[in-house]
Amino acid sequence: MAIRMKTKKGLASTLTVEDLAEAIKNSIDEEGMEEKEARAMAQHVMNFFGYSERIIDNVLEPEDRDAFYILEDSGLLTTEREETTLYDGREWRIHYWLFKKDKIIELMKHAKKHYIEEKKEKENVYDDIPEDIWNQRENDLD
């Protein structure tokens, strides 16, 4: 399941469950959330949105709404409302949930940047070993 979205900068991209899980994992706190939990929450939320960019609040059960509030507090979701006048003159409010696409992309990029930095650190582990140690090992093998 994926949602095609456009950011404020005009970049079009597709939001996948994996992307949302990564953003959720990095938005909760410094330690993050376990991969399994973040993916489950992302899958749960994406099931409501399907291929839409917004959903109506009325479809949510109280437990589901709690998860949405957590993501709103993390900056990944936002709400908007629409007011309309009914035929009998009463005002009616409709509440919607929307993804904060720019924030999700920012958190995804942060995760990728962190991953690349970790990978570079792991790749450079041998750079700190002095040359004479390498030469000593070669002499031991001869």
C-alpha atoms as a PDB file:
ATOM      1  CA  MET A   1       0.000   0.000   0.000  1.00  0.00           C
ATOM      2  CA  ALA A   2       1.354   3.425  -0.888  1.00  0.00           C
ATOM      3  CA  ILE A   3       0.108   6.979  -1.068  1.00  0.00           C
ATOM      4  CA  ARG A   4       1.260   9.332  -3.807  1.00  0.00           C
ATOM      5  CA  MET A   5       1.960  12.684  -2.208  1.00  0.00           C
ATOM      6  CA  LYS A   6       3.300  16.109  -3.032  1.00  0.00           C
ATOM      7  CA  THR A   7       5.308  18.135  -0.519  1.00  0.00           C
ATOM      8  CA  LYS A   8       5.345  21.899  -0.006  1.00  0.00           C
ATOM      9  CA  LYS A   9       8.467  22.029  -2.157  1.00  0.00           C
ATOM     10  CA  GLY A  10       6.502  20.466  -5.011  1.00  0.00           C
ATOM     11  CA  LEU A  11       8.347  17.140  -4.921  1.00  0.00           C
ATOM     12  CA  ALA A  12       6.111  14.203  -5.702  1.00  0.00           C
ATOM     13  CA  SER A  13       6.852  10.959  -3.940  1.00  0.00           C
ATOM     14  CA  THR A  14       5.131   7.838  -2.722  1.00  0.00           C
ATOM     15  CA  LEU A  15       4.657   7.183   0.978  1.00  0.00           C
ATOM     16  CA  THR A  16       4.995   3.491   1.771  1.00  0.00           C
ATOM     17  CA  VAL A  17       4.464   1.534   4.963  1.00  0.00           C
ATOM     18  CA  GLU A  18       8.249   1.197   5.270  1.00  0.00           C
ATOM     19  CA  ASP A  19       8.735   4.969   4.948  1.00  0.00           C
ATOM     20  CA  LEU A  20       6.088   5.727   7.533  1.00  0.00           C
ATOM     21  CA  ALA A  21       7.493   3.069   9.886  1.00  0.00           C
ATOM     22  CA  GLU A  22      10.942   4.655   9.628  1.00  0.00           C
ATOM     23  CA  ALA A  23       9.503   8.113  10.334  1.00  0.00           C
ATOM     24  CA  ILE A  24       7.509   6.774  13.298  1.00  0.00           C
ATOM     25  CA  LYS A  25      10.560   4.989  14.658  1.00  0.00           C
ATOM     26  CA  ASN A  26      12.598   8.195  14.538  1.00  0.00           C
ATOM     27  CA  SER A  27       9.895  10.527  15.810  1.00  0.00           C
ATOM     28  CA  ILE A  28       8.976   8.906  19.104  1.00  0.00           C
ATOM     29  CA  ASP A  29      12.091   9.730  21.164  1.00  0.00           C
ATOM     30  CA  GLU A  30      15.892   9.542  21.042  1.00  0.00           C
ATOM     31  CA  GLU A  31      15.943   5.770  21.493  1.00  0.00           C
ATOM     32  CA  GLY A  32      13.236   5.430  18.864  1.00  0.00           C
ATOM     33  CA  MET A  33      10.707   2.640  18.729  1.00  0.00           C
ATOM     34  CA  GLU A  34      11.375  -0.978  17.946  1.00  0.00           C
ATOM     35  CA  GLU A  35      11.183  -1.769  14.242  1.00  0.00           C
ATOM     36  CA  LYS A  36       8.381  -4.298  14.735  1.00  0.00           C
ATOM     37  CA  GLU A  37       6.194  -1.869  16.711  1.00  0.00           C
ATOM     38  CA  ALA A  38       6.801   1.015  14.314  1.00  0.00           C
ATOM     39  CA  ARG A  39       5.921  -1.159  11.321  1.00  0.00           C
ATOM     40  CA  ALA A  40       2.731  -2.405  13.017  1.00  0.00           C
ATOM     41  CA  MET A  41       1.651   1.163  13.794  1.00  0.00           C
ATOM     42  CA  ALA A  42       2.477   2.303  10.246  1.00  0.00           C
ATOM     43  CA  GLN A  43       0.502  -0.592   8.748  1.00  0.00           C
ATOM     44  CA  HIS A  44      -2.436   0.159  11.048  1.00  0.00           C
ATOM     45  CA  VAL A  45      -2.502   3.849  10.086  1.00  0.00           C
ATOM     46  CA  MET A  46      -1.975   3.206   6.366  1.00  0.00           C
ATOM     47  CA  ASN A  47      -4.910   0.771   6.378  1.00  0.00           C
ATOM     48  CA  PHE A  48      -7.190   3.689   7.232  1.00  0.00           C
ATOM     49  CA  PHE A  49      -5.762   5.994   4.576  1.00  0.00           C
ATOM     50  CA  GLY A  50      -5.570   3.426   1.784  1.00  0.00           C
ATOM     51  CA  TYR A  51      -4.606   5.462  -1.271  1.00  0.00           C
ATOM     52  CA  SER A  52      -6.058   8.738   0.042  1.00  0.00           C
ATOM     53  CA  GLU A  53      -4.198  11.692   1.447  1.00  0.00           C
ATOM     54  CA  ARG A  54      -6.787  12.358   4.132  1.00  0.00           C
ATOM     55  CA  ILE A  55      -9.448  10.443   6.034  1.00  0.00           C
ATOM     56  CA  ILE A  56     -12.536  11.480   7.915  1.00  0.00           C
ATOM     57  CA  ASP A  57     -12.262  11.233  11.697  1.00  0.00           C
ATOM     58  CA  ASN A  58     -15.628   9.459  12.028  1.00  0.00           C
ATOM     59  CA  VAL A  59     -14.185   6.164  10.753  1.00  0.00           C
ATOM     60  CA  LEU A  60     -11.893   5.853  13.787  1.00  0.00           C
ATOM     61  CA  GLU A  61     -12.639   3.895  16.941  1.00  0.00           C
ATOM     62  CA  PRO A  62     -11.369   5.416  20.215  1.00  0.00           C
ATOM     63  CA  GLU A  63      -8.337   3.062  20.305  1.00  0.00           C
ATOM     64  CA  ASP A  64      -7.432   3.980  16.728  1.00  0.00           C
ATOM     65  CA  ARG A  65      -7.852   7.674  17.474  1.00  0.00           C
ATOM     66  CA  ASP A  66      -5.366   7.291  20.356  1.00  0.00           C
ATOM     67  CA  ALA A  67      -2.722   6.067  17.889  1.00  0.00           C
ATOM     68  CA  PHE A  68      -3.496   9.021  15.626  1.00  0.00           C
ATOM     69  CA  TYR A  69      -3.090  11.419  18.558  1.00  0.00           C
ATOM     70  CA  ILE A  70       0.326   9.904  19.314  1.00  0.00           C
ATOM     71  CA  LEU A  71       1.379  10.492  15.711  1.00  0.00           C
ATOM     72  CA  GLU A  72      -0.057  14.007  15.836  1.00  0.00           C
ATOM     73  CA  ASP A  73       2.043  14.709  18.952  1.00  0.00           C
ATOM     74  CA  SER A  74       5.075  13.344  17.071  1.00  0.00           C
ATOM     75  CA  GLY A  75       4.386  15.741  14.203  1.00  0.00           C
ATOM     76  CA  LEU A  76       3.505  13.101  11.600  1.00  0.00           C
ATOM     77  CA  LEU A  77      -0.241  13.742  11.370  1.00  0.00           C
ATOM     78  CA  THR A  78      -2.364  16.845  11.519  1.00  0.00           C
ATOM     79  CA  THR A  79      -6.060  17.610  11.503  1.00  0.00           C
ATOM     80  CA  GLU A  80      -8.240  19.973   9.578  1.00  0.00           C
ATOM     81  CA  ARG A  81     -11.901  20.656   9.663  1.00  0.00           C
ATOM     82  CA  GLU A  82     -14.493  21.714   7.190  1.00  0.00           C
ATOM     83  CA  GLU A  83     -17.750  23.457   8.035  1.00  0.00           C
ATOM     84  CA  THR A  84     -20.820  23.168   5.946  1.00  0.00           C
ATOM     85  CA  THR A  85     -24.402  24.324   6.278  1.00  0.00           C
ATOM     86  CA  LEU A  86     -27.052  21.631   6.210  1.00  0.00           C
ATOM     87  CA  TYR A  87     -30.343  22.040   4.372  1.00  0.00           C
ATOM     88  CA  ASP A  88     -32.134  22.949   7.581  1.00  0.00           C
ATOM     89  CA  GLY A  89     -29.620  25.748   8.303  1.00  0.00           C
ATOM     90  CA  ARG A  90     -27.552  23.976  10.977  1.00  0.00           C
ATOM     91  CA  GLU A  91     -23.769  24.105  10.807  1.00  0.00           C
ATOM     92  CA  TRP A  92     -21.977  20.789  10.497  1.00  0.00           C
ATOM     93  CA  ARG A  93     -18.268  20.223  11.139  1.00  0.00           C
ATOM     94  CA  ILE A  94     -16.292  17.463   9.481  1.00  0.00           C
ATOM     95  CA  HIS A  95     -12.890  16.584  10.935  1.00  0.00           C
ATOM     96  CA  TYR A  96     -10.115  15.049   8.817  1.00  0.00           C
ATOM     97  CA  TRP A  97      -6.688  13.534   9.476  1.00  0.00           C
ATOM     98  CA  LEU A  98      -3.818  14.263   7.081  1.00  0.00           C
ATOM     99  CA  PHE A  99      -0.189  13.198   6.855  1.00  0.00           C
ATOM    100  CA  LYS A 100       2.399  15.923   7.463  1.00  0.00           C
ATOM    101  CA  LYS A 101       4.384  14.883   4.424  1.00  0.00           C
ATOM    102  CA  ASP A 102       7.300  17.279   4.844  1.00  0.00           C
ATOM    103  CA  LYS A 103       7.898  16.088   8.419  1.00  0.00           C
ATOM    104  CA  ILE A 104       7.696  12.433   7.381  1.00  0.00           C
ATOM    105  CA  ILE A 105      10.208  13.010   4.586  1.00  0.00           C
ATOM    106  CA  GLU A 106      12.494  14.921   6.959  1.00  0.00           C
ATOM    107  CA  LEU A 107      12.458  12.029   9.448  1.00  0.00           C
ATOM    108  CA  MET A 108      13.050   9.499   6.670  1.00  0.00           C
ATOM    109  CA  LYS A 109      16.047  11.491   5.416  1.00  0.00           C
ATOM    110  CA  HIS A 110      17.355  11.779   8.978  1.00  0.00           C
ATOM    111  CA  ALA A 111      17.199   7.999   9.278  1.00  0.00           C
ATOM    112  CA  LYS A 112      18.979   7.463   5.954  1.00  0.00           C
ATOM    113  CA  LYS A 113      21.643  10.021   6.871  1.00  0.00           C
ATOM    114  CA  HIS A 114      22.168   8.312  10.237  1.00  0.00           C
ATOM    115  CA  TYR A 115      22.407   4.914   8.504  1.00  0.00           C
ATOM    116  CA  ILE A 116      25.002   6.228   6.017  1.00  0.00           C
ATOM    117  CA  GLU A 117      27.069   7.761   8.830  1.00  0.00           C
ATOM    118  CA  GLU A 118      26.994   4.479  10.779  1.00  0.00           C
ATOM    119  CA  LYS A 119      27.976   2.569   7.658  1.00  0.00           C
ATOM    120  CA  LYS A 120      30.925   4.902   7.047  1.00  0.00           C
ATOM    121  CA  GLU A 121      32.069   4.455  10.647  1.00  0.00           C
ATOM    122  CA  LYS A 122      31.993   0.682  10.227  1.00  0.00           C
ATOM    123  CA  GLU A 123      33.849   0.822   6.914  1.00  0.00           C
ATOM    124  CA  ASN A 124      36.671   2.926   8.403  1.00  0.00           C
ATOM    125  CA  VAL A 125      37.399   0.651  11.359  1.00  0.00           C
ATOM    126  CA  TYR A 126      40.701  -0.519   9.808  1.00  0.00           C
ATOM    127  CA  ASP A 127      41.901   2.989   8.981  1.00  0.00           C
ATOM    128  CA  ASP A 128      43.090   3.480  12.560  1.00  0.00           C
ATOM    129  CA  ILE A 129      45.386   0.435  12.575  1.00  0.00           C
ATOM    130  CA  PRO A 130      49.059   1.463  12.144  1.00  0.00           C
ATOM    131  CA  GLU A 131      50.917   0.229   9.043  1.00  0.00           C
ATOM    132  CA  ASP A 132      53.556  -1.622  11.077  1.00  0.00           C
ATOM    133  CA  ILE A 133      50.865  -3.918  12.518  1.00  0.00           C
ATOM    134  CA  TRP A 134      49.907  -4.965   8.994  1.00  0.00           C
ATOM    135  CA  ASN A 135      53.558  -5.539   8.122  1.00  0.00           C
ATOM    136  CA  GLN A 136      54.092  -7.548  11.327  1.00  0.00           C
ATOM    137  CA  ARG A 137      51.176  -9.842  10.435  1.00  0.00           C
ATOM    138  CA  GLU A 138      52.632 -10.408   6.941  1.00  0.00           C
ATOM    139  CA  ASN A 139      56.015 -11.330   8.475  1.00  0.00           C
ATOM    140  CA  ASP A 140      54.350 -13.805  10.864  1.00  0.00           C
ATOM    141  CA  LEU A 141      52.706 -15.575   7.926  1.00  0.00           C
ATOM    142  CA  ASP A 142      55.993 -16.023   6.008  1.00  0.00           C
END
